[in-house]
Amino acid sequence: MYVLIKERMASMWELKEVYTLDEALKLYALYRADTDIANAKTEEAKREAERGR
């Protein structure tokens, strides 16, 4: 859950007082999905650049 704090998606107070564990886990899953998509796009751009050489 500290990833959420580090990425400024939630504060420690919010994680303790506002979000349920289920909600915090869903927020983390959304964060991971976004990073996975960004990484996939980066890899695809690298492959496209290599093909263009």
C-alpha atoms as a PDB file:
ATOM      1  CA  MET A   1       0.000   0.000   0.000  1.00  0.00           C
ATOM      2  CA  TYR A   2       2.968   2.299   0.386  1.00  0.00           C
ATOM      3  CA  VAL A   3       3.132   2.458  -3.401  1.00  0.00           C
ATOM      4  CA  LEU A   4      -0.162   4.351  -3.309  1.00  0.00           C
ATOM      5  CA  ILE A   5       1.347   6.880  -0.921  1.00  0.00           C
ATOM      6  CA  LYS A   6       4.571   7.162  -2.906  1.00  0.00           C
ATOM      7  CA  GLU A   7       2.667   7.727  -6.143  1.00  0.00           C
ATOM      8  CA  ARG A   8       0.456  10.260  -4.326  1.00  0.00           C
ATOM      9  CA  MET A   9      -2.687   8.334  -5.090  1.00  0.00           C
ATOM     10  CA  ALA A  10      -3.658   8.241  -1.413  1.00  0.00           C
ATOM     11  CA  SER A  11      -2.321   9.464   1.898  1.00  0.00           C
ATOM     12  CA  MET A  12      -1.653   7.285   4.929  1.00  0.00           C
ATOM     13  CA  TRP A  13      -4.602   8.958   6.626  1.00  0.00           C
ATOM     14  CA  GLU A  14      -6.854   8.102   3.690  1.00  0.00           C
ATOM     15  CA  LEU A  15      -5.704   4.493   3.683  1.00  0.00           C
ATOM     16  CA  LYS A  16      -6.366   4.177   7.411  1.00  0.00           C
ATOM     17  CA  GLU A  17      -9.530   6.260   7.756  1.00  0.00           C
ATOM     18  CA  VAL A  18     -11.278   6.569   4.391  1.00  0.00           C
ATOM     19  CA  TYR A  19     -10.691   3.475   2.272  1.00  0.00           C
ATOM     20  CA  THR A  20     -11.630  -0.057   3.181  1.00  0.00           C
ATOM     21  CA  LEU A  21      -9.006  -2.689   2.475  1.00  0.00           C
ATOM     22  CA  ASP A  22     -11.014  -3.815  -0.538  1.00  0.00           C
ATOM     23  CA  GLU A  23     -11.112  -0.273  -1.944  1.00  0.00           C
ATOM     24  CA  ALA A  24      -7.390   0.235  -1.364  1.00  0.00           C
ATOM     25  CA  LEU A  25      -6.605  -3.045  -3.101  1.00  0.00           C
ATOM     26  CA  LYS A  26      -8.747  -2.019  -6.071  1.00  0.00           C
ATOM     27  CA  LEU A  27      -6.902   1.301  -6.243  1.00  0.00           C
ATOM     28  CA  TYR A  28      -3.592  -0.574  -6.188  1.00  0.00           C
ATOM     29  CA  ALA A  29      -4.824  -2.908  -8.935  1.00  0.00           C
ATOM     30  CA  LEU A  30      -5.721   0.095 -11.087  1.00  0.00           C
ATOM     31  CA  TYR A  31      -2.255   1.547 -10.497  1.00  0.00           C
ATOM     32  CA  ARG A  32      -0.625  -1.756 -11.506  1.00  0.00           C
ATOM     33  CA  ALA A  33      -2.802  -2.000 -14.612  1.00  0.00           C
ATOM     34  CA  ASP A  34      -1.757   1.519 -15.650  1.00  0.00           C
ATOM     35  CA  THR A  35       1.933   0.744 -15.166  1.00  0.00           C
ATOM     36  CA  ASP A  36       1.596  -2.562 -17.037  1.00  0.00           C
ATOM     37  CA  ILE A  37      -0.060  -0.778 -19.968  1.00  0.00           C
ATOM     38  CA  ALA A  38       2.630   1.915 -20.001  1.00  0.00           C
ATOM     39  CA  ASN A  39       5.367  -0.741 -19.967  1.00  0.00           C
ATOM     40  CA  ALA A  40       3.691  -2.651 -22.797  1.00  0.00           C
ATOM     41  CA  LYS A  41       3.460   0.518 -24.889  1.00  0.00           C
ATOM     42  CA  THR A  42       7.146   1.231 -24.264  1.00  0.00           C
ATOM     43  CA  GLU A  43       8.105  -2.287 -25.315  1.00  0.00           C
ATOM     44  CA  GLU A  44       5.954  -2.040 -28.435  1.00  0.00           C
ATOM     45  CA  ALA A  45       7.589   1.284 -29.357  1.00  0.00           C
ATOM     46  CA  LYS A  46      11.027  -0.320 -28.942  1.00  0.00           C
ATOM     47  CA  ARG A  47      10.029  -3.215 -31.210  1.00  0.00           C
ATOM     48  CA  GLU A  48       8.666  -0.809 -33.827  1.00  0.00           C
ATOM     49  CA  ALA A  49      11.877   1.229 -33.704  1.00  0.00           C
ATOM     50  CA  GLU A  50      13.966  -1.917 -34.178  1.00  0.00           C
ATOM     51  CA  ARG A  51      11.869  -2.976 -37.173  1.00  0.00           C
ATOM     52  CA  GLY A  52      12.350   0.421 -38.771  1.00  0.00           C
ATOM     53  CA  ARG A  53      16.136   0.191 -38.760  1.00  0.00           C
END
